[in-house]
Protein backbone atom coordinates (compact mmCIF):
# COMPACT_ATOMS: atom_id res chain seq x y z
CA MET A 1 -3.79 33.31 22.69
CA ASN A 2 -2.91 31.98 26.12
CA PHE A 3 -4.86 29.09 27.61
CA GLY A 4 -3.10 29.14 30.97
CA ILE A 5 -0.27 26.91 29.73
CA SER A 6 3.34 27.77 29.21
CA GLU A 7 4.72 28.89 25.88
CA LYS A 8 6.73 25.65 25.67
CA ASP A 9 3.59 23.54 26.17
CA GLN A 10 1.67 25.66 23.63
CA THR A 11 4.45 25.12 21.10
CA GLN A 12 4.31 21.35 21.69
CA VAL A 13 0.55 21.32 21.27
CA LYS A 14 0.86 23.26 18.00
CA GLU A 15 3.52 20.86 16.76
CA ALA A 16 1.37 17.87 17.73
CA PHE A 17 -1.65 19.24 15.85
CA SER A 18 0.56 20.07 12.89
CA SER A 19 1.92 16.51 12.83
CA LEU A 20 -1.63 15.12 13.14
CA TRP A 21 -2.72 17.30 10.22
CA LYS A 22 0.16 16.04 8.05
CA VAL A 23 -0.63 12.40 8.87
CA CYS A 24 -4.32 12.92 8.03
CA GLY A 25 -3.31 14.58 4.78
CA ASN A 26 -0.99 11.64 3.93
CA VAL A 27 -3.71 9.13 4.69
CA TRP A 28 -6.17 10.99 2.53
CA ASP A 29 -3.67 11.25 -0.31
CA ASN A 30 -3.05 7.48 -0.13
CA ILE A 31 -6.81 6.81 -0.25
CA VAL A 32 -7.38 8.81 -3.39
CA ASP A 33 -4.07 8.00 -5.06
CA ASP A 34 -4.92 6.60 -8.51
CA LYS A 35 -1.38 5.44 -9.12
CA LYS A 36 -1.72 2.97 -6.23
CA GLU A 37 -4.75 1.51 -7.92
CA GLU A 38 -2.79 1.15 -11.12
CA LYS A 39 0.02 -0.56 -9.19
CA ILE A 40 -2.48 -2.97 -7.65
CA GLN A 41 -3.94 -3.79 -11.05
CA GLU A 42 -0.45 -4.42 -12.43
CA LEU A 43 0.37 -6.72 -9.54
CA GLU A 44 -2.91 -8.63 -10.07
CA LYS A 45 -2.03 -9.07 -13.75
CA GLN A 46 1.42 -10.40 -12.78
CA ILE A 47 -0.17 -12.81 -10.37
CA TRP A 48 -2.58 -14.09 -13.07
CA ASP A 49 0.31 -14.50 -15.45
CA LEU A 50 2.25 -16.47 -12.85
CA GLU A 51 -0.78 -18.63 -12.16
CA LYS A 52 -1.03 -19.40 -15.87
CA GLU A 53 2.63 -20.29 -16.04
CA VAL A 54 2.25 -22.58 -13.02
CA GLN A 55 -0.68 -24.33 -14.72
CA GLU A 56 1.30 -24.80 -17.90
CA LEU A 57 4.31 -26.16 -16.05
CA ASN A 58 2.11 -28.50 -14.11
CA GLU A 59 0.53 -29.78 -17.34
CA THR A 60 3.97 -30.26 -18.84
CA ARG A 61 5.07 -32.14 -15.70
CA ILE A 62 2.04 -34.37 -15.87
CA GLU A 63 2.66 -35.14 -19.55
CA THR A 64 6.34 -35.85 -18.85
CA GLU A 65 5.41 -38.27 -16.05
CA LYS A 66 2.99 -40.06 -18.33
CA ASN A 67 5.71 -40.59 -20.93
CA ILE A 68 8.19 -42.03 -18.45
C-alpha cells in the first residue's frame, strides 16, 4: 500500500513500528516476569539479614565498650 511516500520512507516507518512493538513487548514481559519478583524478594531477604547482622555487631560493640 502506498501512502504517497517513498519506498525508503515506508521501510523506515515499518522498521520504527517494528522496534516500537518490540519495546512494548519487552516492557510487558518485564511487568509480568515472576522471576523478577523472586529476585526482589531474595534481595529483600538479604537486606533483612544484613540489618540483623548490623544490629548484632552494634550490640557486640556496645558490650565491648562497656567492658573497657
